[in-house]
C-alpha atoms as a PDB file:
ATOM      1  CA  UNK A   1    -187.195 -42.227  33.514  1.00  0.00           C
ATOM      2  CA  UNK A   2    -189.211 -43.483  30.867  1.00  0.00           C
ATOM      3  CA  UNK A   3    -192.197 -42.196  28.208  1.00  0.00           C
ATOM      4  CA  UNK A   4    -194.817 -43.725  25.746  1.00  0.00           C
ATOM      5  CA  UNK A   5    -196.927 -41.826  23.527  1.00  0.00           C
ATOM      6  CA  UNK A   6    -200.147 -43.185  22.165  1.00  0.00           C
ATOM      7  CA  UNK A   7    -203.024 -42.096  20.660  1.00  0.00           C
ATOM      8  CA  UNK A   8    -206.988 -43.151  20.683  1.00  0.00           C
ATOM      9  CA  UNK A   9    -209.640 -41.071  18.765  1.00  0.00           C
ATOM     10  CA  UNK A  10    -207.452 -38.007  18.268  1.00  0.00           C
ATOM     11  CA  UNK A  11    -206.274 -37.880  22.558  1.00  0.00           C
ATOM     12  CA  UNK A  12    -202.579 -38.440  22.699  1.00  0.00           C
ATOM     13  CA  UNK A  13    -201.096 -39.827  26.002  1.00  0.00           C
ATOM     14  CA  UNK A  14    -197.907 -38.900  26.920  1.00  0.00           C
ATOM     15  CA  UNK A  15    -197.176 -41.678  30.125  1.00  0.00           C
ATOM     16  CA  UNK A  16    -194.194 -40.747  32.361  1.00  0.00           C
ATOM     17  CA  UNK A  17    -192.791 -43.183  34.871  1.00  0.00           C
ATOM     18  CA  UNK A  18    -189.679 -42.362  37.137  1.00  0.00           C
ATOM     19  CA  UNK A  19    -188.417 -38.800  37.961  1.00  0.00           C
ATOM     20  CA  UNK A  20    -188.870 -36.133  35.546  1.00  0.00           C
ATOM     21  CA  UNK A  21    -186.279 -33.867  36.060  1.00  0.00           C
ATOM     22  CA  UNK A  22    -183.279 -31.723  34.586  1.00  0.00           C
ATOM     23  CA  UNK A  23    -181.413 -35.481  33.708  1.00  0.00           C
ATOM     24  CA  UNK A  24    -184.633 -36.954  32.175  1.00  0.00           C
ATOM     25  CA  UNK A  25    -186.491 -34.148  30.913  1.00  0.00           C
ATOM     26  CA  UNK A  26    -183.913 -33.399  27.675  1.00  0.00           C
ATOM     27  CA  UNK A  27    -184.858 -36.946  26.853  1.00  0.00           C
ATOM     28  CA  UNK A  28    -188.773 -35.946  26.393  1.00  0.00           C
ATOM     29  CA  UNK A  29    -187.744 -33.331  23.835  1.00  0.00           C
ATOM     30  CA  UNK A  30    -188.446 -35.072  20.759  1.00  0.00           C
ATOM     31  CA  UNK A  31    -191.686 -36.397  22.243  1.00  0.00           C
ATOM     32  CA  UNK A  32    -192.534 -32.404  22.954  1.00  0.00           C
ATOM     33  CA  UNK A  33    -192.160 -32.179  19.480  1.00  0.00           C
ATOM     34  CA  UNK A  34    -193.712 -34.715  18.435  1.00  0.00           C
ATOM     35  CA  UNK A  35    -196.800 -33.688  20.636  1.00  0.00           C
ATOM     36  CA  UNK A  36    -196.902 -30.144  19.618  1.00  0.00           C
ATOM     37  CA  UNK A  37    -196.739 -30.795  15.474  1.00  0.00           C
ATOM     38  CA  UNK A  38    -200.618 -30.848  15.205  1.00  0.00           C
ATOM     39  CA  UNK A  39    -202.848 -28.169  15.463  1.00  0.00           C
ATOM     40  CA  UNK A  40    -206.174 -28.892  17.325  1.00  0.00           C
ATOM     41  CA  UNK A  41    -204.417 -31.471  19.431  1.00  0.00           C
ATOM     42  CA  UNK A  42    -205.989 -32.656  22.490  1.00  0.00           C
ATOM     43  CA  UNK A  43    -203.430 -34.047  24.851  1.00  0.00           C
ATOM     44  CA  UNK A  44    -203.242 -36.061  28.200  1.00  0.00           C
ATOM     45  CA  UNK A  45    -199.892 -36.087  30.494  1.00  0.00           C
ATOM     46  CA  UNK A  46    -200.439 -39.475  32.906  1.00  0.00           C
ATOM     47  CA  UNK A  47    -197.726 -38.555  35.444  1.00  0.00           C
ATOM     48  CA  UNK A  48    -199.452 -41.206  37.995  1.00  0.00           C
ATOM     49  CA  UNK A  49    -195.999 -43.241  38.223  1.00  0.00           C
ATOM     50  CA  UNK A  50    -193.994 -39.719  38.515  1.00  0.00           C
ATOM     51  CA  UNK A  51    -192.069 -40.067  41.963  1.00  0.00           C
ATOM     52  CA  UNK A  52    -190.152 -36.475  41.638  1.00  0.00           C
ATOM     53  CA  UNK A  53    -190.892 -33.288  39.521  1.00  0.00           C
ATOM     54  CA  UNK A  54    -188.547 -30.586  39.938  1.00  0.00           C
ATOM     55  CA  UNK A  55    -188.152 -27.218  38.107  1.00  0.00           C
ATOM     56  CA  UNK A  56    -186.003 -28.870  34.738  1.00  0.00           C
ATOM     57  CA  UNK A  57    -189.862 -31.035  34.799  1.00  0.00           C
ATOM     58  CA  UNK A  58    -192.037 -28.519  35.288  1.00  0.00           C
ATOM     59  CA  UNK A  59    -190.030 -26.382  32.368  1.00  0.00           C
ATOM     60  CA  UNK A  60    -191.158 -28.975  30.226  1.00  0.00           C
ATOM     61  CA  UNK A  61    -194.631 -28.790  31.429  1.00  0.00           C
ATOM     62  CA  UNK A  62    -194.814 -25.723  30.904  1.00  0.00           C
ATOM     63  CA  UNK A  63    -193.458 -25.472  27.403  1.00  0.00           C
ATOM     64  CA  UNK A  64    -196.129 -28.344  26.245  1.00  0.00           C
ATOM     65  CA  UNK A  65    -199.120 -26.239  27.913  1.00  0.00           C
ATOM     66  CA  UNK A  66    -198.028 -22.974  25.906  1.00  0.00           C
ATOM     67  CA  UNK A  67    -197.214 -24.904  22.577  1.00  0.00           C
ATOM     68  CA  UNK A  68    -200.049 -27.228  22.454  1.00  0.00           C
ATOM     69  CA  UNK A  69    -202.474 -23.964  23.452  1.00  0.00           C
ATOM     70  CA  UNK A  70    -200.683 -22.134  20.789  1.00  0.00           C
ATOM     71  CA  UNK A  71    -201.439 -24.661  18.244  1.00  0.00           C
ATOM     72  CA  UNK A  72    -205.053 -24.608  18.779  1.00  0.00           C
ATOM     73  CA  UNK A  73    -204.942 -27.673  21.571  1.00  0.00           C
ATOM     74  CA  UNK A  74    -205.994 -28.793  25.076  1.00  0.00           C
ATOM     75  CA  UNK A  75    -203.582 -30.459  27.738  1.00  0.00           C
ATOM     76  CA  UNK A  76    -204.859 -32.055  30.825  1.00  0.00           C
ATOM     77  CA  UNK A  77    -202.722 -34.011  33.639  1.00  0.00           C
ATOM     78  CA  UNK A  78    -203.810 -36.907  34.741  1.00  0.00           C
ATOM     79  CA  UNK A  79    -202.789 -38.982  38.087  1.00  0.00           C
ATOM     80  CA  UNK A  80    -201.016 -36.003  39.893  1.00  0.00           C
ATOM     81  CA  UNK A  81    -200.584 -37.225  42.944  1.00  0.00           C
ATOM     82  CA  UNK A  82    -197.679 -37.424  45.826  1.00  0.00           C
ATOM     83  CA  UNK A  83    -194.896 -34.643  45.401  1.00  0.00           C
ATOM     84  CA  UNK A  84    -195.744 -33.798  41.698  1.00  0.00           C
ATOM     85  CA  UNK A  85    -198.729 -32.598  43.437  1.00  0.00           C
ATOM     86  CA  UNK A  86    -197.519 -30.770  46.121  1.00  0.00           C
ATOM     87  CA  UNK A  87    -194.827 -29.041  43.705  1.00  0.00           C
ATOM     88  CA  UNK A  88    -198.331 -28.038  41.286  1.00  0.00           C
ATOM     89  CA  UNK A  89    -199.752 -26.567  44.268  1.00  0.00           C
ATOM     90  CA  UNK A  90    -196.608 -24.446  45.481  1.00  0.00           C
ATOM     91  CA  UNK A  91    -196.316 -22.982  41.771  1.00  0.00           C
ATOM     92  CA  UNK A  92    -200.386 -22.597  41.879  1.00  0.00           C
ATOM     93  CA  UNK A  93    -199.872 -24.519  38.214  1.00  0.00           C
ATOM     94  CA  UNK A  94    -202.933 -26.656  39.792  1.00  0.00           C
ATOM     95  CA  UNK A  95    -204.923 -23.039  39.022  1.00  0.00           C
ATOM     96  CA  UNK A  96    -203.574 -22.900  35.488  1.00  0.00           C
ATOM     97  CA  UNK A  97    -203.599 -26.469  34.714  1.00  0.00           C
ATOM     98  CA  UNK A  98    -206.153 -29.229  33.929  1.00  0.00           C
ATOM     99  CA  UNK A  99    -206.048 -31.558  36.581  1.00  0.00           C
ATOM    100  CA  UNK A 100    -207.837 -34.952  36.355  1.00  0.00           C
END
């Protein structure tokens, strides 16, 4: 798993590549702290290159969502396809998260 963080016009984008699972999720904890540190941030999470999303990955995304919303920010998820989209639908996260 690889990830990158960019910022343009107060919108921060986290791009994740590979598997977002129990092995890789801990690597994103520092990114989680950085992403949620600002009040009122707009965050985009690009999952277009994620091939596998498991419960640990879902836990990371839910934590990101909750912490950002608690700080007055917003989160959207882009490029959710294939297995990650199936996971979102199975857990009804497609009804909670803004998917683009």
